[in-house]
PDB file of all heavy atoms in Angstrom:
ATOM      1  N   GLY A   1     -42.202 -62.053 -12.878  1.00  0.00           N
ATOM      2  CA  GLY A   1     -40.806 -62.447 -12.934  1.00  0.00           C
ATOM      3  C   GLY A   1     -40.089 -62.082 -11.650  1.00  0.00           C
ATOM      4  O   GLY A   1     -40.570 -61.466 -10.736  1.00  0.00           O
ATOM      5  N   SER A   2     -38.813 -62.612 -11.634  1.00  0.00           N
ATOM      6  CA  SER A   2     -37.979 -62.290 -10.400  1.00  0.00           C
ATOM      7  C   SER A   2     -37.609 -60.790 -10.472  1.00  0.00           C
ATOM      8  O   SER A   2     -37.428 -60.215 -11.490  1.00  0.00           O
ATOM      9  CB  SER A   2     -36.723 -63.154 -10.455  1.00  0.00           C
ATOM     10  OG  SER A   2     -37.010 -64.501 -10.468  1.00  0.00           O
ATOM     11  N   PRO A   3     -37.526 -60.172  -9.286  1.00  0.00           N
ATOM     12  CA  PRO A   3     -37.110 -58.756  -9.223  1.00  0.00           C
ATOM     13  C   PRO A   3     -35.757 -58.553  -9.805  1.00  0.00           C
ATOM     14  O   PRO A   3     -34.813 -59.290  -9.541  1.00  0.00           O
ATOM     15  CB  PRO A   3     -37.215 -58.464  -7.721  1.00  0.00           C
ATOM     16  CG  PRO A   3     -37.074 -59.803  -7.055  1.00  0.00           C
ATOM     17  CD  PRO A   3     -37.717 -60.718  -7.936  1.00  0.00           C
ATOM     18  N   ASN A   4     -35.629 -57.463 -10.573  1.00  0.00           N
ATOM     19  CA  ASN A   4     -34.360 -57.059 -11.176  1.00  0.00           C
ATOM     20  C   ASN A   4     -33.536 -56.225 -10.178  1.00  0.00           C
ATOM     21  O   ASN A   4     -33.873 -54.956 -10.047  1.00  0.00           O
ATOM     22  CB  ASN A   4     -34.562 -56.386 -12.522  1.00  0.00           C
ATOM     23  CG  ASN A   4     -33.307 -56.083 -13.243  1.00  0.00           C
ATOM     24  OD1 ASN A   4     -32.220 -56.050 -12.710  1.00  0.00           O
ATOM     25  ND2 ASN A   4     -33.390 -55.995 -14.561  1.00  0.00           N
ATOM     26  N   LEU A   5     -32.659 -56.807  -9.418  1.00  0.00           N
ATOM     27  CA  LEU A   5     -32.022 -56.083  -8.352  1.00  0.00           C
ATOM     28  C   LEU A   5     -31.073 -54.980  -8.917  1.00  0.00           C
ATOM     29  O   LEU A   5     -30.953 -53.904  -8.326  1.00  0.00           O
ATOM     30  CB  LEU A   5     -31.151 -57.052  -7.441  1.00  0.00           C
ATOM     31  CG  LEU A   5     -31.939 -58.102  -6.770  1.00  0.00           C
ATOM     32  CD1 LEU A   5     -31.038 -59.002  -5.948  1.00  0.00           C
ATOM     33  CD2 LEU A   5     -33.073 -57.508  -5.856  1.00  0.00           C
ATOM     34  N   ALA A   6     -30.460 -55.304 -10.059  1.00  0.00           N
ATOM     35  CA  ALA A   6     -29.648 -54.231 -10.641  1.00  0.00           C
ATOM     36  C   ALA A   6     -30.399 -52.993 -11.032  1.00  0.00           C
ATOM     37  O   ALA A   6     -29.965 -51.907 -10.786  1.00  0.00           O
ATOM     38  CB  ALA A   6     -28.898 -54.801 -11.848  1.00  0.00           C
ATOM     39  N   TRP A   7     -31.655 -53.226 -11.608  1.00  0.00           N
ATOM     40  CA  TRP A   7     -32.510 -52.069 -12.009  1.00  0.00           C
ATOM     41  C   TRP A   7     -32.952 -51.347 -10.732  1.00  0.00           C
ATOM     42  O   TRP A   7     -32.961 -50.127 -10.689  1.00  0.00           O
ATOM     43  CB  TRP A   7     -33.686 -52.588 -12.770  1.00  0.00           C
ATOM     44  CG  TRP A   7     -34.716 -51.472 -12.967  1.00  0.00           C
ATOM     45  CD1 TRP A   7     -34.613 -50.446 -13.885  1.00  0.00           C
ATOM     46  CD2 TRP A   7     -35.820 -51.158 -12.149  1.00  0.00           C
ATOM     47  NE1 TRP A   7     -35.666 -49.589 -13.750  1.00  0.00           N
ATOM     48  CE2 TRP A   7     -36.413 -49.992 -12.714  1.00  0.00           C
ATOM     49  CE3 TRP A   7     -36.398 -51.825 -11.091  1.00  0.00           C
ATOM     50  CZ2 TRP A   7     -37.584 -49.453 -12.147  1.00  0.00           C
ATOM     51  CZ3 TRP A   7     -37.542 -51.169 -10.551  1.00  0.00           C
ATOM     52  CH2 TRP A   7     -38.157 -50.060 -11.044  1.00  0.00           C
ATOM     53  N   PHE A   8     -33.223 -52.089  -9.703  1.00  0.00           N
ATOM     54  CA  PHE A   8     -33.735 -51.477  -8.497  1.00  0.00           C
ATOM     55  C   PHE A   8     -32.594 -50.530  -7.953  1.00  0.00           C
ATOM     56  O   PHE A   8     -32.899 -49.408  -7.486  1.00  0.00           O
ATOM     57  CB  PHE A   8     -34.109 -52.476  -7.425  1.00  0.00           C
ATOM     58  CG  PHE A   8     -34.409 -51.858  -6.091  1.00  0.00           C
ATOM     59  CD1 PHE A   8     -35.763 -51.379  -5.852  1.00  0.00           C
ATOM     60  CD2 PHE A   8     -33.522 -51.800  -5.064  1.00  0.00           C
ATOM     61  CE1 PHE A   8     -36.044 -50.770  -4.654  1.00  0.00           C
ATOM     62  CE2 PHE A   8     -33.859 -51.179  -3.854  1.00  0.00           C
ATOM     63  CZ  PHE A   8     -35.129 -50.736  -3.622  1.00  0.00           C
ATOM     64  N   ALA A   9     -31.430 -51.012  -7.895  1.00  0.00           N
ATOM     65  CA  ALA A   9     -30.297 -50.194  -7.400  1.00  0.00           C
ATOM     66  C   ALA A   9     -30.055 -48.959  -8.274  1.00  0.00           C
ATOM     67  O   ALA A   9     -29.912 -47.848  -7.739  1.00  0.00           O
ATOM     68  CB  ALA A   9     -29.008 -51.034  -7.326  1.00  0.00           C
ATOM     69  N   ALA A  10     -30.131 -49.169  -9.648  1.00  0.00           N
ATOM     70  CA  ALA A  10     -30.027 -47.960 -10.497  1.00  0.00           C
ATOM     71  C   ALA A  10     -31.164 -46.971 -10.301  1.00  0.00           C
ATOM     72  O   ALA A  10     -30.964 -45.783 -10.286  1.00  0.00           O
ATOM     73  CB  ALA A  10     -29.968 -48.477 -11.932  1.00  0.00           C
ATOM     74  N   ALA A  11     -32.460 -47.447 -10.190  1.00  0.00           N
ATOM     75  CA  ALA A  11     -33.537 -46.647  -9.978  1.00  0.00           C
ATOM     76  C   ALA A  11     -33.445 -45.860  -8.658  1.00  0.00           C
ATOM     77  O   ALA A  11     -33.767 -44.677  -8.509  1.00  0.00           O
ATOM     78  CB  ALA A  11     -34.876 -47.434  -9.967  1.00  0.00           C
ATOM     79  N   ALA A  12     -32.911 -46.568  -7.632  1.00  0.00           N
ATOM     80  CA  ALA A  12     -32.744 -45.851  -6.282  1.00  0.00           C
ATOM     81  C   ALA A  12     -31.719 -44.783  -6.399  1.00  0.00           C
ATOM     82  O   ALA A  12     -31.908 -43.671  -5.899  1.00  0.00           O
ATOM     83  CB  ALA A  12     -32.306 -46.890  -5.232  1.00  0.00           C
ATOM     84  N   VAL A  13     -30.610 -44.973  -7.146  1.00  0.00           N
ATOM     85  CA  VAL A  13     -29.619 -43.967  -7.340  1.00  0.00           C
ATOM     86  C   VAL A  13     -30.229 -42.761  -8.092  1.00  0.00           C
ATOM     87  O   VAL A  13     -29.967 -41.568  -7.697  1.00  0.00           O
ATOM     88  CB  VAL A  13     -28.386 -44.526  -8.060  1.00  0.00           C
ATOM     89  CG1 VAL A  13     -27.427 -43.402  -8.406  1.00  0.00           C
ATOM     90  CG2 VAL A  13     -27.685 -45.559  -7.171  1.00  0.00           C
ATOM     91  N   VAL A  14     -30.933 -43.006  -9.160  1.00  0.00           N
ATOM     92  CA  VAL A  14     -31.535 -41.954  -9.924  1.00  0.00           C
ATOM     93  C   VAL A  14     -32.519 -41.176  -9.002  1.00  0.00           C
ATOM     94  O   VAL A  14     -32.561 -39.889  -9.010  1.00  0.00           O
ATOM     95  CB  VAL A  14     -32.306 -42.482 -11.109  1.00  0.00           C
ATOM     96  CG1 VAL A  14     -33.066 -41.423 -11.843  1.00  0.00           C
ATOM     97  CG2 VAL A  14     -31.277 -43.138 -12.112  1.00  0.00           C
ATOM     98  N   ALA A  15     -33.295 -41.844  -8.212  1.00  0.00           N
ATOM     99  CA  ALA A  15     -34.240 -41.179  -7.280  1.00  0.00           C
ATOM    100  C   ALA A  15     -33.455 -40.272  -6.347  1.00  0.00           C
ATOM    101  O   ALA A  15     -33.904 -39.131  -6.025  1.00  0.00           O
ATOM    102  CB  ALA A  15     -35.096 -42.215  -6.540  1.00  0.00           C
ATOM    103  N   LEU A  16     -32.386 -40.743  -5.744  1.00  0.00           N
ATOM    104  CA  LEU A  16     -31.607 -39.888  -4.856  1.00  0.00           C
ATOM    105  C   LEU A  16     -31.049 -38.682  -5.529  1.00  0.00           C
ATOM    106  O   LEU A  16     -30.956 -37.550  -4.979  1.00  0.00           O
ATOM    107  CB  LEU A  16     -30.473 -40.713  -4.246  1.00  0.00           C
ATOM    108  CG  LEU A  16     -30.869 -41.805  -3.298  1.00  0.00           C
ATOM    109  CD1 LEU A  16     -29.707 -42.629  -2.865  1.00  0.00           C
ATOM    110  CD2 LEU A  16     -31.596 -41.249  -2.061  1.00  0.00           C
ATOM    111  N   LEU A  17     -30.556 -38.861  -6.813  1.00  0.00           N
ATOM    112  CA  LEU A  17     -30.142 -37.757  -7.545  1.00  0.00           C
ATOM    113  C   LEU A  17     -31.246 -36.661  -7.775  1.00  0.00           C
ATOM    114  O   LEU A  17     -31.045 -35.431  -7.723  1.00  0.00           O
ATOM    115  CB  LEU A  17     -29.526 -38.161  -8.914  1.00  0.00           C
ATOM    116  CG  LEU A  17     -28.283 -39.012  -8.861  1.00  0.00           C
ATOM    117  CD1 LEU A  17     -27.889 -39.454 -10.207  1.00  0.00           C
ATOM    118  CD2 LEU A  17     -27.140 -38.105  -8.246  1.00  0.00           C
ATOM    119  N   VAL A  18     -32.441 -37.141  -8.091  1.00  0.00           N
ATOM    120  CA  VAL A  18     -33.611 -36.188  -8.257  1.00  0.00           C
ATOM    121  C   VAL A  18     -33.907 -35.482  -6.993  1.00  0.00           C
ATOM    122  O   VAL A  18     -34.153 -34.319  -7.032  1.00  0.00           O
ATOM    123  CB  VAL A  18     -34.828 -36.987  -8.780  1.00  0.00           C
ATOM    124  CG1 VAL A  18     -36.001 -36.122  -8.783  1.00  0.00           C
ATOM    125  CG2 VAL A  18     -34.597 -37.618 -10.147  1.00  0.00           C
ATOM    126  N   PHE A  19     -33.938 -36.207  -5.937  1.00  0.00           N
ATOM    127  CA  PHE A  19     -34.192 -35.543  -4.622  1.00  0.00           C
ATOM    128  C   PHE A  19     -33.107 -34.521  -4.265  1.00  0.00           C
ATOM    129  O   PHE A  19     -33.438 -33.452  -3.761  1.00  0.00           O
ATOM    130  CB  PHE A  19     -34.272 -36.578  -3.528  1.00  0.00           C
ATOM    131  CG  PHE A  19     -35.648 -37.164  -3.367  1.00  0.00           C
ATOM    132  CD1 PHE A  19     -35.919 -38.447  -3.822  1.00  0.00           C
ATOM    133  CD2 PHE A  19     -36.685 -36.470  -2.724  1.00  0.00           C
ATOM    134  CE1 PHE A  19     -37.171 -38.975  -3.703  1.00  0.00           C
ATOM    135  CE2 PHE A  19     -37.932 -37.018  -2.500  1.00  0.00           C
ATOM    136  CZ  PHE A  19     -38.156 -38.278  -3.030  1.00  0.00           C
ATOM    137  N   ARG A  20     -31.876 -34.856  -4.563  1.00  0.00           N
ATOM    138  CA  ARG A  20     -30.740 -33.932  -4.236  1.00  0.00           C
ATOM    139  C   ARG A  20     -30.928 -32.672  -5.119  1.00  0.00           C
ATOM    140  O   ARG A  20     -30.763 -31.493  -4.675  1.00  0.00           O
ATOM    141  CB  ARG A  20     -29.400 -34.602  -4.426  1.00  0.00           C
ATOM    142  CG  ARG A  20     -28.241 -33.635  -4.162  1.00  0.00           C
ATOM    143  CD  ARG A  20     -26.948 -34.423  -4.259  1.00  0.00           C
ATOM    144  NE  ARG A  20     -25.770 -33.535  -4.012  1.00  0.00           N
ATOM    145  CZ  ARG A  20     -25.350 -33.138  -2.859  1.00  0.00           C
ATOM    146  NH1 ARG A  20     -25.936 -33.518  -1.787  1.00  0.00           N
ATOM    147  NH2 ARG A  20     -24.201 -32.360  -2.811  1.00  0.00           N
ATOM    148  N   PHE A  21     -31.160 -32.883  -6.422  1.00  0.00           N
ATOM    149  CA  PHE A  21     -31.316 -31.714  -7.331  1.00  0.00           C
ATOM    150  C   PHE A  21     -32.470 -30.807  -6.866  1.00  0.00           C
ATOM    151  O   PHE A  21     -32.312 -29.588  -6.827  1.00  0.00           O
ATOM    152  CB  PHE A  21     -31.564 -32.275  -8.699  1.00  0.00           C
ATOM    153  CG  PHE A  21     -31.942 -31.152  -9.694  1.00  0.00           C
ATOM    154  CD1 PHE A  21     -31.021 -30.329 -10.203  1.00  0.00           C
ATOM    155  CD2 PHE A  21     -33.273 -30.996 -10.048  1.00  0.00           C
ATOM    156  CE1 PHE A  21     -31.406 -29.333 -11.090  1.00  0.00           C
ATOM    157  CE2 PHE A  21     -33.680 -29.979 -10.971  1.00  0.00           C
ATOM    158  CZ  PHE A  21     -32.698 -29.152 -11.481  1.00  0.00           C
ATOM    159  N   THR A  22     -33.596 -31.358  -6.592  1.00  0.00           N
ATOM    160  CA  THR A  22     -34.764 -30.514  -6.202  1.00  0.00           C
ATOM    161  C   THR A  22     -34.617 -29.892  -4.865  1.00  0.00           C
ATOM    162  O   THR A  22     -34.940 -28.757  -4.641  1.00  0.00           O
ATOM    163  CB  THR A  22     -36.054 -31.384  -6.214  1.00  0.00           C
ATOM    164  OG1 THR A  22     -35.837 -32.495  -5.387  1.00  0.00           O
ATOM    165  CG2 THR A  22     -36.310 -31.864  -7.579  1.00  0.00           C
ATOM    166  N   ALA A  23     -33.978 -30.579  -3.934  1.00  0.00           N
ATOM    167  CA  ALA A  23     -33.812 -30.052  -2.555  1.00  0.00           C
ATOM    168  C   ALA A  23     -32.888 -28.872  -2.494  1.00  0.00           C
ATOM    169  O   ALA A  23     -33.028 -27.925  -1.828  1.00  0.00           O
ATOM    170  CB  ALA A  23     -33.456 -31.079  -1.587  1.00  0.00           C
ATOM    171  N   ARG A  24     -31.780 -28.979  -3.266  1.00  0.00           N
ATOM    172  CA  ARG A  24     -30.726 -27.981  -3.231  1.00  0.00           C
ATOM    173  C   ARG A  24     -31.180 -26.696  -3.773  1.00  0.00           C
ATOM    174  O   ARG A  24     -30.542 -25.568  -3.501  1.00  0.00           O
ATOM    175  CB  ARG A  24     -29.484 -28.435  -4.064  1.00  0.00           C
ATOM    176  CG  ARG A  24     -28.687 -29.507  -3.295  1.00  0.00           C
ATOM    177  CD  ARG A  24     -27.569 -30.047  -4.167  1.00  0.00           C
ATOM    178  NE  ARG A  24     -26.627 -28.973  -4.445  1.00  0.00           N
ATOM    179  CZ  ARG A  24     -25.560 -28.566  -3.706  1.00  0.00           C
ATOM    180  NH1 ARG A  24     -25.407 -29.204  -2.577  1.00  0.00           N
ATOM    181  NH2 ARG A  24     -24.771 -27.609  -4.091  1.00  0.00           N
ATOM    182  N   ARG A  25     -32.284 -26.619  -4.481  1.00  0.00           N
ATOM    183  CA  ARG A  25     -32.768 -25.388  -5.035  1.00  0.00           C
ATOM    184  C   ARG A  25     -33.915 -24.770  -4.231  1.00  0.00           C
ATOM    185  O   ARG A  25     -34.546 -23.795  -4.701  1.00  0.00           O
ATOM    186  CB  ARG A  25     -33.228 -25.563  -6.516  1.00  0.00           C
ATOM    187  CG  ARG A  25     -32.002 -25.564  -7.418  1.00  0.00           C
ATOM    188  CD  ARG A  25     -32.163 -26.374  -8.641  1.00  0.00           C
ATOM    189  NE  ARG A  25     -30.968 -26.340  -9.465  1.00  0.00           N
ATOM    190  CZ  ARG A  25     -29.831 -27.075  -9.197  1.00  0.00           C
ATOM    191  NH1 ARG A  25     -29.855 -27.794  -8.096  1.00  0.00           N
ATOM    192  NH2 ARG A  25     -28.752 -26.927  -9.930  1.00  0.00           N
ATOM    193  N   HIS A  26     -34.269 -25.361  -3.118  1.00  0.00           N
ATOM    194  CA  HIS A  26     -35.298 -24.880  -2.348  1.00  0.00           C
ATOM    195  C   HIS A  26     -34.754 -23.645  -1.463  1.00  0.00           C
ATOM    196  O   HIS A  26     -33.540 -23.551  -1.122  1.00  0.00           O
ATOM    197  CB  HIS A  26     -35.792 -25.898  -1.307  1.00  0.00           C
ATOM    198  CG  HIS A  26     -37.100 -25.502  -0.694  1.00  0.00           C
ATOM    199  ND1 HIS A  26     -37.133 -24.788   0.494  1.00  0.00           N
ATOM    200  CD2 HIS A  26     -38.380 -25.760  -1.038  1.00  0.00           C
ATOM    201  CE1 HIS A  26     -38.396 -24.629   0.886  1.00  0.00           C
ATOM    202  NE2 HIS A  26     -39.133 -25.252  -0.046  1.00  0.00           N
ATOM    203  N   ALA A  27     -35.646 -22.662  -1.213  1.00  0.00           N
ATOM    204  CA  ALA A  27     -35.244 -21.407  -0.510  1.00  0.00           C
ATOM    205  C   ALA A  27     -34.686 -21.804   0.852  1.00  0.00           C
ATOM    206  O   ALA A  27     -33.843 -21.007   1.373  1.00  0.00           O
ATOM    207  CB  ALA A  27     -36.381 -20.514  -0.380  1.00  0.00           C
ATOM    208  N   GLU A  28     -35.042 -22.808   1.531  1.00  0.00           N
ATOM    209  CA  GLU A  28     -34.673 -23.068   2.829  1.00  0.00           C
ATOM    210  C   GLU A  28     -33.718 -24.303   2.949  1.00  0.00           C
ATOM    211  O   GLU A  28     -33.563 -24.997   4.003  1.00  0.00           O
ATOM    212  CB  GLU A  28     -35.897 -23.344   3.758  1.00  0.00           C
ATOM    213  CG  GLU A  28     -36.768 -22.086   3.943  1.00  0.00           C
ATOM    214  CD  GLU A  28     -38.025 -22.318   4.712  1.00  0.00           C
ATOM    215  OE1 GLU A  28     -38.273 -23.468   4.997  1.00  0.00           O
ATOM    216  OE2 GLU A  28     -38.631 -21.378   5.153  1.00  0.00           O
ATOM    217  N   SER A  29     -33.176 -24.672   1.828  1.00  0.00           N
ATOM    218  CA  SER A  29     -32.113 -25.762   1.796  1.00  0.00           C
ATOM    219  C   SER A  29     -30.804 -25.259   2.310  1.00  0.00           C
ATOM    220  O   SER A  29     -30.519 -24.125   2.234  1.00  0.00           O
ATOM    221  CB  SER A  29     -31.951 -26.306   0.389  1.00  0.00           C
ATOM    222  OG  SER A  29     -31.451 -25.371  -0.479  1.00  0.00           O
ATOM    223  N   PRO A  30     -29.922 -26.116   2.823  1.00  0.00           N
ATOM    224  CA  PRO A  30     -28.626 -25.708   3.329  1.00  0.00           C
ATOM    225  C   PRO A  30     -27.770 -25.147   2.226  1.00  0.00           C
ATOM    226  O   PRO A  30     -27.834 -25.549   1.102  1.00  0.00           O
ATOM    227  CB  PRO A  30     -28.084 -27.045   3.835  1.00  0.00           C
ATOM    228  CG  PRO A  30     -29.214 -27.917   4.055  1.00  0.00           C
ATOM    229  CD  PRO A  30     -30.209 -27.543   3.039  1.00  0.00           C
ATOM    230  N   ARG A  31     -26.943 -24.106   2.621  1.00  0.00           N
ATOM    231  CA  ARG A  31     -26.035 -23.525   1.623  1.00  0.00           C
ATOM    232  C   ARG A  31     -24.938 -24.558   1.294  1.00  0.00           C
ATOM    233  O   ARG A  31     -24.447 -24.659   0.164  1.00  0.00           O
ATOM    234  CB  ARG A  31     -25.412 -22.259   2.200  1.00  0.00           C
ATOM    235  CG  ARG A  31     -26.339 -21.089   2.296  1.00  0.00           C
ATOM    236  CD  ARG A  31     -25.681 -19.918   2.944  1.00  0.00           C
ATOM    237  NE  ARG A  31     -26.504 -18.751   3.001  1.00  0.00           N
ATOM    238  CZ  ARG A  31     -26.670 -17.880   2.108  1.00  0.00           C
ATOM    239  NH1 ARG A  31     -25.989 -17.980   0.950  1.00  0.00           N
ATOM    240  NH2 ARG A  31     -27.497 -16.851   2.224  1.00  0.00           N
ATOM    241  N   ARG A  32     -24.480 -25.241   2.376  1.00  0.00           N
ATOM    242  CA  ARG A  32     -23.400 -26.270   2.070  1.00  0.00           C
ATOM    243  C   ARG A  32     -23.862 -27.498   2.706  1.00  0.00           C
ATOM    244  O   ARG A  32     -24.468 -27.574   3.739  1.00  0.00           O
ATOM    245  CB  ARG A  32     -22.087 -25.747   2.708  1.00  0.00           C
ATOM    246  CG  ARG A  32     -21.496 -24.559   2.026  1.00  0.00           C
ATOM    247  CD  ARG A  32     -20.121 -24.204   2.684  1.00  0.00           C
ATOM    248  NE  ARG A  32     -20.305 -23.815   4.078  1.00  0.00           N
ATOM    249  CZ  ARG A  32     -20.533 -22.575   4.442  1.00  0.00           C
ATOM    250  NH1 ARG A  32     -20.609 -21.640   3.495  1.00  0.00           N
ATOM    251  NH2 ARG A  32     -20.639 -22.235   5.736  1.00  0.00           N
ATOM    252  N   ALA A  33     -23.559 -28.612   2.028  1.00  0.00           N
ATOM    253  CA  ALA A  33     -23.874 -29.975   2.483  1.00  0.00           C
ATOM    254  C   ALA A  33     -22.733 -30.874   2.099  1.00  0.00           C
ATOM    255  O   ALA A  33     -22.017 -30.672   1.157  1.00  0.00           O
ATOM    256  CB  ALA A  33     -25.195 -30.423   1.858  1.00  0.00           C
ATOM    257  N   SER A  34     -22.473 -31.824   3.002  1.00  0.00           N
ATOM    258  CA  SER A  34     -21.434 -32.804   2.730  1.00  0.00           C
ATOM    259  C   SER A  34     -21.840 -33.863   1.704  1.00  0.00           C
ATOM    260  O   SER A  34     -22.745 -34.636   1.931  1.00  0.00           O
ATOM    261  CB  SER A  34     -21.045 -33.485   4.030  1.00  0.00           C
ATOM    262  OG  SER A  34     -20.094 -34.506   3.791  1.00  0.00           O
ATOM    263  N   ALA A  35     -21.134 -33.822   0.584  1.00  0.00           N
ATOM    264  CA  ALA A  35     -21.464 -34.832  -0.468  1.00  0.00           C
ATOM    265  C   ALA A  35     -21.168 -36.170   0.087  1.00  0.00           C
ATOM    266  O   ALA A  35     -21.865 -37.172  -0.279  1.00  0.00           O
ATOM    267  CB  ALA A  35     -20.604 -34.517  -1.712  1.00  0.00           C
ATOM    268  N   GLY A  36     -20.078 -36.320   0.810  1.00  0.00           N
ATOM    269  CA  GLY A  36     -19.741 -37.666   1.368  1.00  0.00           C
ATOM    270  C   GLY A  36     -20.798 -38.211   2.267  1.00  0.00           C
ATOM    271  O   GLY A  36     -21.189 -39.416   2.207  1.00  0.00           O
ATOM    272  N   VAL A  37     -21.372 -37.325   3.108  1.00  0.00           N
ATOM    273  CA  VAL A  37     -22.464 -37.807   3.995  1.00  0.00           C
ATOM    274  C   VAL A  37     -23.668 -38.175   3.220  1.00  0.00           C
ATOM    275  O   VAL A  37     -24.282 -39.181   3.507  1.00  0.00           O
ATOM    276  CB  VAL A  37     -22.783 -36.706   5.009  1.00  0.00           C
ATOM    277  CG1 VAL A  37     -24.021 -37.100   5.839  1.00  0.00           C
ATOM    278  CG2 VAL A  37     -21.616 -36.442   5.956  1.00  0.00           C
ATOM    279  N   ALA A  38     -23.987 -37.384   2.197  1.00  0.00           N
ATOM    280  CA  ALA A  38     -25.215 -37.710   1.355  1.00  0.00           C
ATOM    281  C   ALA A  38     -25.050 -39.020   0.684  1.00  0.00           C
ATOM    282  O   ALA A  38     -25.930 -39.836   0.590  1.00  0.00           O
ATOM    283  CB  ALA A  38     -25.409 -36.592   0.342  1.00  0.00           C
ATOM    284  N   VAL A  39     -23.842 -39.246   0.074  1.00  0.00           N
ATOM    285  CA  VAL A  39     -23.624 -40.484  -0.602  1.00  0.00           C
ATOM    286  C   VAL A  39     -23.629 -41.691   0.372  1.00  0.00           C
ATOM    287  O   VAL A  39     -24.221 -42.735   0.092  1.00  0.00           O
ATOM    288  CB  VAL A  39     -22.270 -40.465  -1.310  1.00  0.00           C
ATOM    289  CG1 VAL A  39     -21.871 -41.840  -1.868  1.00  0.00           C
ATOM    290  CG2 VAL A  39     -22.263 -39.431  -2.430  1.00  0.00           C
ATOM    291  N   ALA A  40     -23.068 -41.450   1.560  1.00  0.00           N
ATOM    292  CA  ALA A  40     -23.080 -42.550   2.536  1.00  0.00           C
ATOM    293  C   ALA A  40     -24.433 -42.962   3.019  1.00  0.00           C
ATOM    294  O   ALA A  40     -24.838 -44.112   3.121  1.00  0.00           O
ATOM    295  CB  ALA A  40     -22.181 -42.164   3.753  1.00  0.00           C
ATOM    296  N   VAL A  41     -25.306 -41.877   3.271  1.00  0.00           N
ATOM    297  CA  VAL A  41     -26.699 -42.132   3.706  1.00  0.00           C
ATOM    298  C   VAL A  41     -27.466 -42.821   2.612  1.00  0.00           C
ATOM    299  O   VAL A  41     -28.191 -43.771   2.820  1.00  0.00           O
ATOM    300  CB  VAL A  41     -27.386 -40.820   4.116  1.00  0.00           C
ATOM    301  CG1 VAL A  41     -28.830 -40.996   4.361  1.00  0.00           C
ATOM    302  CG2 VAL A  41     -26.709 -40.185   5.363  1.00  0.00           C
ATOM    303  N   GLY A  42     -27.348 -42.341   1.378  1.00  0.00           N
ATOM    304  CA  GLY A  42     -28.038 -42.983   0.242  1.00  0.00           C
ATOM    305  C   GLY A  42     -27.645 -44.412   0.012  1.00  0.00           C
ATOM    306  O   GLY A  42     -28.480 -45.297  -0.126  1.00  0.00           O
ATOM    307  N   ALA A  43     -26.331 -44.678   0.112  1.00  0.00           N
ATOM    308  CA  ALA A  43     -25.814 -46.027  -0.084  1.00  0.00           C
ATOM    309  C   ALA A  43     -26.345 -46.938   1.088  1.00  0.00           C
ATOM    310  O   ALA A  43     -26.732 -48.117   0.875  1.00  0.00           O
ATOM    311  CB  ALA A  43     -24.345 -46.044  -0.140  1.00  0.00           C
ATOM    312  N   ALA A  44     -26.314 -46.351   2.304  1.00  0.00           N
ATOM    313  CA  ALA A  44     -26.816 -47.174   3.432  1.00  0.00           C
ATOM    314  C   ALA A  44     -28.313 -47.478   3.303  1.00  0.00           C
ATOM    315  O   ALA A  44     -28.780 -48.607   3.558  1.00  0.00           O
ATOM    316  CB  ALA A  44     -26.666 -46.414   4.745  1.00  0.00           C
TER     317      ALA A  44
END
């Protein structure tokens, strides 16, 4: 079938949330990070 673009966008957002959650708990992750920059990079 034709690709479901809405699902792809939703899956990409969920994937970015998972990466953000796991990375922020790493011992060598930044103490502070710009949420605006992260959202902008993910959206781009």
